[in-house]
Every structure is written in structure tokens, then in C-alpha cells.
């Protein structure tokens, strides 16, 4: 039978029921949901006696209870979600209850009482950076544009000169509670403290010391003094490094200061060259002095030995002379003549011979003397006897006759 035929009950395929059937009862739906929640919680519904009016009022009350229960469960879940918080690695959670500090929590999940508890998350491992005396701004090129801040950069030295100082401070939070509650603006306090410490340090130093070899000392003193002041204030900050980016005189005197720096560099260069020359010359002089001393010592030993030898020879000669004076005197005279005559060219002339003209071969004598000088005094020193030509000398003398004449001459000298 079709749905639109008589007796079909007006059951169209869209409504799922007869045309005279109304919408489903809302109370019935709520009652069913309440029954299901009661079954989950272990509660049983009471008996259904008491008439139709009692059943209607019980259904309405159970429906309202179910709605309240659902709302309560949802609220409980939302409260639990709002009460759970997570602290990441490198952070600390500062718990406040009605604005009062309660505790500092470590990384991990934690539970708070919402909404009376508040949690401030503080990153204690992040390294922060502040600039003093200048500000970096993003420029068009690769290098950032640097803008000077004269109010922070210009400082007075001990010798009443002005220097332009630029510092970069790297710091981190070491105490979250002190960082949040002790100081209103910790970063501003940090800048003021470092600036004040730098002015104090530079005020105790001269301009040359600040601009040349005193940079490391100034940085160390500034960091230690700034940290002491921050600890005294209880700012909860830890200074990691202080970097002196630049320290130079103001622009008005930079040219004159550049000339002074150049002169100082020239002075240092000349000193280094002088030290290098000194290191080169002094060892040579010391070596030469040592060599001269050794030569002098050797000459001293030689002279002493020679003198001792001559003294010993003289003592031996004295002993021989005391034993036979005549023989010793004759021997000494002959040895002396032999030594003297052996070094020069000689011509022996027989004065007792009868001849009218004496011919001396001067050319041969000169050649002989020249040859003797070139040979540095040879043992022969020339011929002991030059024979005169037969045309000029009627007779010749042999070696024995010459020796005899020398002895006679010696005797005649002794007689005199």
C-alpha cells in the first residue's frame, strides 16, 4: 500500500511517521541522557510510582540535574586545562598567588590553582645584548648602520681629555624572582650601571692609556664594578662579557691624535731597530773580545816560554863560559859572525896582495841581494866567497885562509 493511499497512515518517507505525530519530547531526551550519566556514576533511578503528575515532575528535575552535571564536568575539565602549565627547558616559572610570590618552578609540567595563581615564565639561559654609546640600525648594505649616542659615549679622562667610548654588554638573568620584583626596569638599570662604572674607570686613566694598551684593563674593571653594583641593587642580572667596541678621540681632534699615534709608532719602530742592532753587534763584540783575550793569553804564554828558554840558555852559556872563557868567547864571536854574514852578500878582498886595480862585480852583487830578499833570508844568504876574475886578482883565497885571518883579527881586538 502506498503512503498516500487510504489506510496508509500518511507515512511519508521524509517525516518517518504519520502526519499527526508531533516532534520528540525534549524532557524524554534529557531523561535518557540523565539515566546514562547516572548509570556511569553508579546511581539507579528510583521507582516510577506516584501517578502521571509525579512522573512529569521527576522527569523535569532529572533533566535539569543532568544539564548541571554536564556543565560541571565541562567546567572541571576546563579548570584542569587552565591549571596545568608547562615550563620549557632553560626557563623558570615564578608562581604568584593573589600577586604574592609563592615559588619558582623548574622545567616540566606543573599545576596551579586557577584563577588565583599566576605564572610568570622567565628565560634564564637566553643571552641578551645591550649597546652603550651607540645604536645599531639595519642599513642598506651588509654592515649595519651605527649611530653614535654622544650622551652615553663621551667621557672625561684623568688628564682632562674627552674620549668617545662604545661598549657592548652581554648578560643573562640569574635570579628570576629578583629580576621581576626588585627593580622596575632591569635593562635600563643595567645600561645606567655599566655607563657609570665605565665613566669611573676611564676617569682614573689617562687618554693614552685608554686608547692604547689599557683596553683590557678598562673592560675588566668595568665588568667587575658593574656586577658589584647590580648585586647591590638586587637586579637579578649576570654580566657575561663587556666588549670595548671602539675608543677614540672626538672627531675635532682625530687628525692631531693620528699624528701623535704615528709618531709613537715611529718611536717604537726605531726602538725595535736599535734593539735588533744591539742584539747583533753586542755578541760580535763579545766574541771579538774573547778572541783577543785568548790571543793575548797565548802570546803571554809564548813570551814567557821564550824568555824562560833564553834565560835557561844564558845560564848554560854562563856555566860554559866559567869553565873555559877563551874558547867560549871565540865560539860566540864566530857564531855571531856566521849569523850576520849568512844573511848578506859578501866580497872578500886580499889586502896583502899586490894589484893596482880592484874590480867589484856590482851587477852580480845586486842580483844576489835581490834574490836573497825575495827568498826572505834563506839559510845560505848568498855565496860565502866570491872569486874575483883572474884578470883583476892575482891570487885567490880559500876558506881556510879566510878563517885564519878572522881569528887573527879577533886576537888583535882582544889585545887592544
Protein backbone atom coordinates (compact mmCIF):
# COMPACT_ATOMS: atom_id res chain seq x y z
CA UNK A 1 0.00 0.00 0.00
CA UNK A 2 1.38 3.40 -0.94
CA UNK A 3 1.98 6.04 1.71
CA UNK A 4 -0.58 8.41 0.17
CA UNK A 5 -3.36 5.80 -0.26
CA UNK A 6 -6.24 5.50 2.18
CA UNK A 7 -5.23 3.46 5.19
CA UNK A 8 -1.53 4.25 4.72
CA UNK A 9 -1.45 6.38 7.89
CA UNK A 10 0.06 9.32 6.00
CA UNK A 11 3.55 7.89 6.49
CA UNK A 12 5.72 9.82 4.06
CA UNK A 13 9.32 8.79 3.60
CA UNK A 14 10.63 12.19 4.85
CA UNK A 15 8.94 12.53 8.22
CA UNK A 16 9.36 8.86 9.18
CA UNK A 17 5.93 8.77 10.80
CA UNK A 18 2.37 9.79 10.47
CA UNK A 19 1.38 13.32 9.75
CA UNK A 20 -0.42 13.55 13.05
CA UNK A 21 2.78 12.61 15.03
CA UNK A 22 4.48 15.64 16.79
CA UNK A 23 8.19 16.37 17.46
CA UNK A 24 10.08 14.22 20.00
CA UNK A 25 9.70 15.19 23.68
CA UNK A 26 12.73 17.22 24.97
CA UNK A 27 12.16 16.04 28.51
CA UNK A 28 12.37 12.47 27.34
CA UNK A 29 15.70 13.12 25.67
CA UNK A 30 17.10 14.80 28.80
CA UNK A 31 15.80 11.97 30.93
CA UNK A 32 17.56 9.40 28.80
CA UNK A 33 20.84 11.31 28.97
CA UNK A 34 20.47 11.65 32.74
CA UNK A 35 19.87 7.94 33.06
CA UNK A 36 23.01 7.21 31.16
CA UNK A 37 25.13 9.52 33.36
CA UNK A 38 23.56 8.04 36.49
CA UNK A 39 24.45 4.58 35.30
CA UNK A 40 28.04 5.72 34.76
CA UNK A 41 28.19 7.18 38.29
CA UNK A 42 26.62 4.04 39.81
CA UNK A 43 23.26 5.56 40.70
CA UNK A 44 19.97 3.83 39.99
CA UNK A 45 16.82 5.53 39.23
CA UNK A 46 14.04 5.20 41.80
CA UNK A 47 10.69 3.50 41.05
CA UNK A 48 8.32 5.16 38.69
CA UNK A 49 5.18 5.18 41.01
CA UNK A 50 3.14 8.17 42.03
CA UNK A 51 0.91 8.92 39.09
CA UNK A 52 1.36 10.91 35.94
CA UNK A 53 2.00 14.27 37.61
CA UNK A 54 4.75 12.80 39.79
CA UNK A 55 6.39 11.25 36.73
CA UNK A 56 6.37 14.54 34.87
CA UNK A 57 7.96 16.50 37.76
CA UNK A 58 10.62 13.77 38.28
CA UNK A 59 11.49 13.87 34.60
CA UNK A 60 11.89 17.65 34.67
CA UNK A 61 14.09 17.57 37.80
CA UNK A 62 16.29 14.81 36.45
CA UNK A 63 16.71 16.75 33.19
CA UNK A 64 17.93 19.86 34.98
CA UNK A 65 20.29 17.78 37.12
CA UNK A 66 21.78 16.19 34.01
CA UNK A 67 22.39 19.53 32.38
CA UNK A 68 24.06 20.84 35.52
CA UNK A 69 26.20 17.75 35.73
CA UNK A 70 27.34 18.13 32.14
CA UNK A 71 28.14 21.77 32.68
CA UNK A 72 30.04 20.90 35.85
CA UNK A 73 32.11 18.25 34.11
CA UNK A 74 32.92 20.61 31.27
CA UNK A 75 33.86 23.33 33.76
CA UNK A 76 36.04 20.88 35.68
CA UNK A 77 37.84 19.86 32.52
CA UNK A 78 38.34 23.50 31.54
CA UNK A 79 39.65 24.33 35.03
CA UNK A 80 42.09 21.46 34.89
CA UNK A 81 43.30 22.56 31.48
CA UNK A 82 43.71 26.15 32.70
CA UNK A 83 45.50 25.00 35.87
CA UNK A 84 48.17 22.96 34.10
CA UNK A 85 51.18 24.85 32.75
CA UNK A 86 54.49 23.70 31.29
CA UNK A 87 57.89 25.30 31.84
CA UNK A 88 60.25 24.74 28.91
CA UNK A 89 63.94 23.92 29.11
CA UNK A 90 66.06 26.93 30.01
CA UNK A 91 63.12 28.72 31.65
CA UNK A 92 61.82 29.20 35.17
CA UNK A 93 58.21 29.67 36.31
CA UNK A 94 57.52 32.24 39.02
CA UNK A 95 54.20 31.41 40.74
CA UNK A 96 52.18 34.31 42.17
CA UNK A 97 49.10 33.83 44.37
CA UNK A 98 46.99 36.96 44.63
CA UNK A 99 50.11 38.85 43.44
CA UNK A 100 52.34 37.41 46.17
CA UNK A 101 55.41 35.35 45.32
CA UNK A 102 54.97 31.66 46.17
CA UNK A 103 57.70 29.63 44.45
CA UNK A 104 59.96 29.25 41.43
CA UNK A 105 59.33 26.10 39.39
CA UNK A 106 61.80 24.21 37.24
CA UNK A 107 61.28 22.97 33.67
CA UNK A 108 58.43 20.46 33.27
CA UNK A 109 54.62 20.26 33.74
CA UNK A 110 53.14 21.86 36.87
CA UNK A 111 49.72 22.54 38.42
CA UNK A 112 48.44 25.84 39.74
CA UNK A 113 45.23 26.98 41.38
CA UNK A 114 43.36 28.79 38.63
CA UNK A 115 42.47 31.66 38.61
CA UNK A 116 44.04 32.82 41.88
CA UNK A 117 47.54 31.72 40.82
CA UNK A 118 49.51 33.40 38.05
CA UNK A 119 52.75 32.16 36.50
CA UNK A 120 55.45 34.39 35.01
CA UNK A 121 57.76 32.48 32.65
CA UNK A 122 61.34 33.82 32.65
CA UNK A 123 64.07 32.63 30.28
CA UNK A 124 67.26 32.32 32.35
CA UNK A 125 69.54 30.90 29.64
CA UNK A 126 68.91 33.44 26.91
CA UNK A 127 71.85 35.79 26.40
CA UNK A 128 70.70 39.35 25.98
CA UNK A 129 72.64 42.19 24.38
CA UNK A 130 72.71 45.91 25.06
CA UNK A 131 74.66 48.72 23.39
CA UNK A 132 76.12 51.66 25.27
CA UNK A 133 77.37 54.74 23.44
CA UNK A 134 75.91 53.73 20.07
CA UNK A 135 72.92 52.07 18.44
CA UNK A 136 72.92 49.64 15.53
CA UNK A 137 70.31 50.05 12.84
CA UNK A 138 69.62 47.93 9.79
CA UNK A 139 71.23 49.61 6.80
CA UNK A 140 71.07 49.10 3.10
CA UNK A 141 74.39 47.23 2.90
CA UNK A 142 75.73 44.18 4.61
CA UNK A 143 77.14 46.13 7.53
CA UNK A 144 74.57 47.60 9.93
CA UNK A 145 74.48 51.35 10.24
CA UNK A 146 75.89 52.60 13.54
CA UNK A 147 74.51 55.72 15.15
CA UNK A 148 76.50 57.37 17.91
CA UNK A 149 74.87 58.43 21.18
CA UNK A 150 77.08 61.27 22.49
CA UNK A 151 75.22 61.45 25.79
CA UNK A 152 76.45 57.95 26.62
CA UNK A 153 79.69 57.82 24.61
CA UNK A 154 81.61 60.99 25.55
CA UNK A 155 83.62 60.50 28.75
CA UNK A 156 86.29 62.52 30.57
CA UNK A 157 89.74 61.05 31.32
CA UNK A 158 92.08 61.74 34.21
CA UNK A 159 94.18 64.19 32.18
CA UNK A 160 91.02 66.16 31.26
CA UNK A 161 90.65 64.83 27.73
CA UNK A 162 87.44 63.60 26.12
CA UNK A 163 87.18 60.16 24.53
CA UNK A 164 84.36 58.56 22.56
CA UNK A 165 83.73 55.11 24.10
CA UNK A 166 81.38 52.44 22.73
CA UNK A 167 80.60 49.31 24.72
CA UNK A 168 78.63 46.14 24.06
CA UNK A 169 77.29 44.26 27.11
CA UNK A 170 76.14 40.65 27.06
CA UNK A 171 74.12 39.47 30.06
CA UNK A 172 71.51 36.98 31.25
CA UNK A 173 69.03 36.55 34.11
CA UNK A 174 70.42 34.69 37.11
CA UNK A 175 67.59 35.23 39.65
CA UNK A 176 64.03 35.33 38.21
CA UNK A 177 62.43 36.48 41.46
CA UNK A 178 64.85 39.41 41.88
CA UNK A 179 64.54 40.24 38.19
CA UNK A 180 60.73 40.55 38.44
CA UNK A 181 60.27 42.27 41.81
CA UNK A 182 63.40 44.14 42.97
CA UNK A 183 63.89 46.57 40.07
CA UNK A 184 61.21 48.23 37.96
CA UNK A 185 63.21 48.21 34.69
CA UNK A 186 66.27 45.93 34.96
CA UNK A 187 67.54 46.63 31.41
CA UNK A 188 67.53 50.39 31.94
CA UNK A 189 69.28 49.92 35.28
CA UNK A 190 71.89 47.76 33.57
CA UNK A 191 72.67 50.45 31.00
CA UNK A 192 72.97 53.14 33.65
CA UNK A 193 75.16 50.99 35.90
CA UNK A 194 77.58 50.00 33.13
CA UNK A 195 77.79 53.57 31.89
CA UNK A 196 78.51 54.85 35.40
CA UNK A 197 81.16 52.16 36.01
CA UNK A 198 82.82 52.95 32.69
CA UNK A 199 82.96 56.66 33.49
CA UNK A 200 84.53 55.91 36.85
CA UNK A 201 87.14 53.60 35.33
CA UNK A 202 88.06 55.97 32.49
CA UNK A 203 88.13 58.92 34.90
CA UNK A 204 91.01 57.20 36.70
CA UNK A 205 93.02 56.63 33.50
CA UNK A 206 94.85 58.87 31.06
CA UNK A 207 93.84 59.29 27.45
CA UNK A 208 96.90 57.47 26.09
CA UNK A 209 96.25 54.54 28.40
CA UNK A 210 92.61 54.31 27.31
CA UNK A 211 93.39 54.48 23.60
CA UNK A 212 96.42 52.16 23.57
CA UNK A 213 97.36 49.42 26.00
CA UNK A 214 94.67 49.95 28.64
CA UNK A 215 91.66 48.50 26.82
CA UNK A 216 91.70 45.10 28.51
CA UNK A 217 92.17 46.61 31.96
CA UNK A 218 89.31 49.04 31.42
CA UNK A 219 86.97 46.24 30.28
CA UNK A 220 87.85 44.05 33.27
CA UNK A 221 87.43 46.86 35.80
CA UNK A 222 84.15 47.96 34.24
CA UNK A 223 82.69 44.46 34.30
CA UNK A 224 83.65 43.77 37.92
CA UNK A 225 82.42 47.15 39.16
CA UNK A 226 79.13 46.89 37.22
CA UNK A 227 78.43 43.40 38.56
CA UNK A 228 79.07 44.55 42.12
CA UNK A 229 76.59 47.42 41.74
CA UNK A 230 73.94 45.16 40.16
CA UNK A 231 74.30 42.67 43.01
CA UNK A 232 73.95 45.52 45.47
CA UNK A 233 70.72 46.60 43.76
CA UNK A 234 69.46 43.01 43.59
CA UNK A 235 68.67 43.29 39.88
CA UNK A 236 68.99 39.54 39.30
CA UNK A 237 71.25 40.02 36.26
CA UNK A 238 74.61 38.43 35.47
CA UNK A 239 77.03 40.24 33.14
CA UNK A 240 78.76 37.71 30.87
CA UNK A 241 81.05 39.91 28.81
CA UNK A 242 81.81 43.58 28.28
CA UNK A 243 83.36 44.37 24.89
CA UNK A 244 85.03 47.70 24.15
CA UNK A 245 83.92 48.18 20.56
CA UNK A 246 85.72 51.46 20.00
CA UNK A 247 87.60 54.14 21.91
CA UNK A 248 88.83 57.18 20.06
CA UNK A 249 89.08 60.93 20.50
CA UNK A 250 86.29 63.17 19.22
CA UNK A 251 86.19 63.97 15.53
CA UNK A 252 87.51 67.50 16.09
CA UNK A 253 90.93 66.26 17.27
CA UNK A 254 91.25 62.98 15.40
CA UNK A 255 93.80 64.33 12.89
CA UNK A 256 96.14 65.60 15.58
CA UNK A 257 95.76 62.43 17.53
CA UNK A 258 96.51 60.36 14.42
CA UNK A 259 99.78 62.28 14.03
CA UNK A 260 100.63 61.58 17.64
CA UNK A 261 99.88 57.90 17.19
CA UNK A 262 102.08 57.78 14.09
CA UNK A 263 104.94 59.46 15.95
CA UNK A 264 104.58 56.97 18.77
CA UNK A 265 104.64 54.10 16.29
CA UNK A 266 107.77 55.53 14.66
CA UNK A 267 109.39 55.80 18.06
CA UNK A 268 108.56 52.19 18.82
CA UNK A 269 109.85 51.10 15.43
CA UNK A 270 113.15 52.91 15.93
CA UNK A 271 113.48 51.36 19.36
CA UNK A 272 112.94 47.93 17.89
CA UNK A 273 115.53 48.56 15.19
CA UNK A 274 118.02 49.79 17.78
CA UNK A 275 117.41 46.75 19.93
CA UNK A 276 117.88 44.49 16.92
CA UNK A 277 121.15 46.22 16.03
CA UNK A 278 122.28 45.99 19.63
CA UNK A 279 121.46 42.30 19.74
CA UNK A 280 123.51 41.84 16.58
CA UNK A 281 126.56 43.95 17.49
CA UNK A 282 127.00 43.05 21.14
CA UNK A 283 127.50 39.30 20.55
CA UNK A 284 130.04 40.07 17.81
CA UNK A 285 131.92 42.45 20.08
CA UNK A 286 131.89 39.93 22.88
CA UNK A 287 133.20 37.27 20.51
CA UNK A 288 135.98 39.52 19.30
CA UNK A 289 136.88 40.45 22.86
CA UNK A 290 137.02 36.79 23.84
CA UNK A 291 139.21 36.04 20.82
CA UNK A 292 141.54 38.92 21.68
CA UNK A 293 141.78 37.71 25.24
CA UNK A 294 142.64 34.22 24.05
CA UNK A 295 145.27 35.58 21.66
CA UNK A 296 146.74 37.72 24.41
CA UNK A 297 146.85 34.76 26.75
CA UNK A 298 148.54 32.66 24.07
CA UNK A 299 151.07 35.43 23.33
CA UNK A 300 151.73 35.76 27.04
CA UNK A 301 152.45 32.07 27.34
CA UNK A 302 154.67 32.24 24.25
CA UNK A 303 156.70 35.20 25.51
CA UNK A 304 157.07 33.67 28.94
CA UNK A 305 158.21 30.38 27.47
CA UNK A 306 160.62 32.15 25.11
CA UNK A 307 162.05 34.25 27.94
CA UNK A 308 162.41 31.21 30.12
CA UNK A 309 164.18 29.42 27.27
CA UNK A 310 166.56 32.32 26.70
CA UNK A 311 167.25 32.57 30.41
CA UNK A 312 167.97 28.86 30.56
CA UNK A 313 170.28 29.13 27.54
CA UNK A 314 172.07 32.08 29.09
CA UNK A 315 172.57 30.16 32.32
CA UNK A 316 174.03 27.24 30.39
CA UNK A 317 176.23 29.64 28.43
CA UNK A 318 177.38 31.21 31.69
CA UNK A 319 178.36 27.84 33.04
CA UNK A 320 180.33 27.07 29.87
CA UNK A 321 182.00 30.49 29.96
CA UNK A 322 183.05 30.00 33.56
CA UNK A 323 184.66 26.71 32.66
CA UNK A 324 186.58 27.96 29.56
CA UNK A 325 186.26 31.68 28.92
CA UNK A 326 188.62 31.91 25.89
CA UNK A 327 187.03 29.09 23.97
CA UNK A 328 183.53 30.26 24.77
CA UNK A 329 184.29 33.84 23.74
CA UNK A 330 185.83 32.66 20.46
CA UNK A 331 182.87 30.41 19.74
CA UNK A 332 180.35 33.15 20.47
CA UNK A 333 182.18 35.57 18.21
CA UNK A 334 182.35 33.12 15.34
CA UNK A 335 178.70 32.15 15.74
CA UNK A 336 177.71 35.81 15.70
CA UNK A 337 179.72 36.48 12.54
CA UNK A 338 178.27 33.40 10.92
CA UNK A 339 174.77 34.53 11.75
CA UNK A 340 175.34 38.07 10.49
CA UNK A 341 177.33 37.23 7.38
CA UNK A 342 174.98 34.46 6.31
CA UNK A 343 172.21 36.99 5.68
CA UNK A 344 174.10 39.37 3.36
CA UNK A 345 176.20 39.17 0.21
CA UNK A 346 179.94 39.38 0.83
CA UNK A 347 183.10 40.18 -1.08
CA UNK A 348 186.39 39.12 0.47
CA UNK A 349 189.42 41.14 -0.62
CA UNK A 350 193.02 40.16 -0.04
CA UNK A 351 194.55 43.44 1.04
CA UNK A 352 198.03 41.98 1.23
CA UNK A 353 198.08 41.01 -2.44
CA UNK A 354 199.83 43.29 -4.90
CA UNK A 355 197.49 44.65 -7.56
CA UNK A 356 196.77 48.06 -8.99
CA UNK A 357 193.07 47.84 -9.84
CA UNK A 358 190.29 46.19 -7.87
CA UNK A 359 187.20 45.20 -9.84
CA UNK A 360 183.96 44.66 -7.92
CA UNK A 361 181.15 42.82 -9.78
CA UNK A 362 178.32 45.12 -8.64
CA UNK A 363 175.78 43.68 -11.09
CA UNK A 364 176.22 40.21 -9.64
CA UNK A 365 176.08 41.58 -6.10
CA UNK A 366 172.80 43.40 -6.82
CA UNK A 367 171.26 40.29 -8.36
CA UNK A 368 172.38 38.24 -5.40
CA UNK A 369 170.93 40.74 -2.92
CA UNK A 370 167.64 40.85 -4.85
CA UNK A 371 167.39 37.09 -4.89
CA UNK A 372 168.15 36.92 -1.18
CA UNK A 373 165.41 39.45 -0.40
CA UNK A 374 162.84 37.55 -2.48
CA UNK A 375 163.65 34.29 -0.66
CA UNK A 376 163.10 36.03 2.77
CA UNK A 377 166.54 35.38 4.08
CA UNK A 378 167.45 31.85 3.05
CA UNK A 379 169.93 29.83 5.05
CA UNK A 380 172.71 30.45 2.58
CA UNK A 381 172.08 34.16 2.09
CA UNK A 382 174.43 34.28 -0.86
CA UNK A 383 177.83 32.84 -1.51
CA UNK A 384 180.32 32.93 1.30
CA UNK A 385 183.10 33.66 -1.11
CA UNK A 386 183.08 35.47 -4.41
CA UNK A 387 186.06 34.65 -6.59
CA UNK A 388 187.37 37.64 -8.34
CA UNK A 389 188.23 37.38 -12.05
CA UNK A 390 191.73 36.25 -12.84
CA UNK A 391 192.43 39.45 -14.70
CA UNK A 392 191.84 41.58 -11.62
CA UNK A 393 193.00 39.24 -8.82
CA UNK A 394 196.43 37.72 -8.98
CA UNK A 395 195.62 35.11 -6.38
CA UNK A 396 192.55 33.55 -4.73
CA UNK A 397 191.89 32.77 -1.09
CA UNK A 398 190.45 29.53 0.07
CA UNK A 399 188.13 29.01 3.04
CA UNK A 400 190.85 28.05 5.47
CA UNK A 401 192.86 31.20 4.80
CA UNK A 402 189.78 33.36 5.39
CA UNK A 403 189.07 31.63 8.65
CA UNK A 404 192.67 32.10 9.77
CA UNK A 405 192.50 35.80 9.02
CA UNK A 406 189.30 36.16 11.01
CA UNK A 407 190.88 34.52 14.00
CA UNK A 408 193.91 36.81 13.77
CA UNK A 409 191.63 39.79 13.62
CA UNK A 410 189.82 38.58 16.72
CA UNK A 411 193.06 38.15 18.61
CA UNK A 412 194.20 41.63 17.66
CA UNK A 413 190.94 43.04 19.01
CA UNK A 414 191.40 41.19 22.28
CA UNK A 415 194.93 42.55 22.63
CA UNK A 416 193.62 46.07 22.22
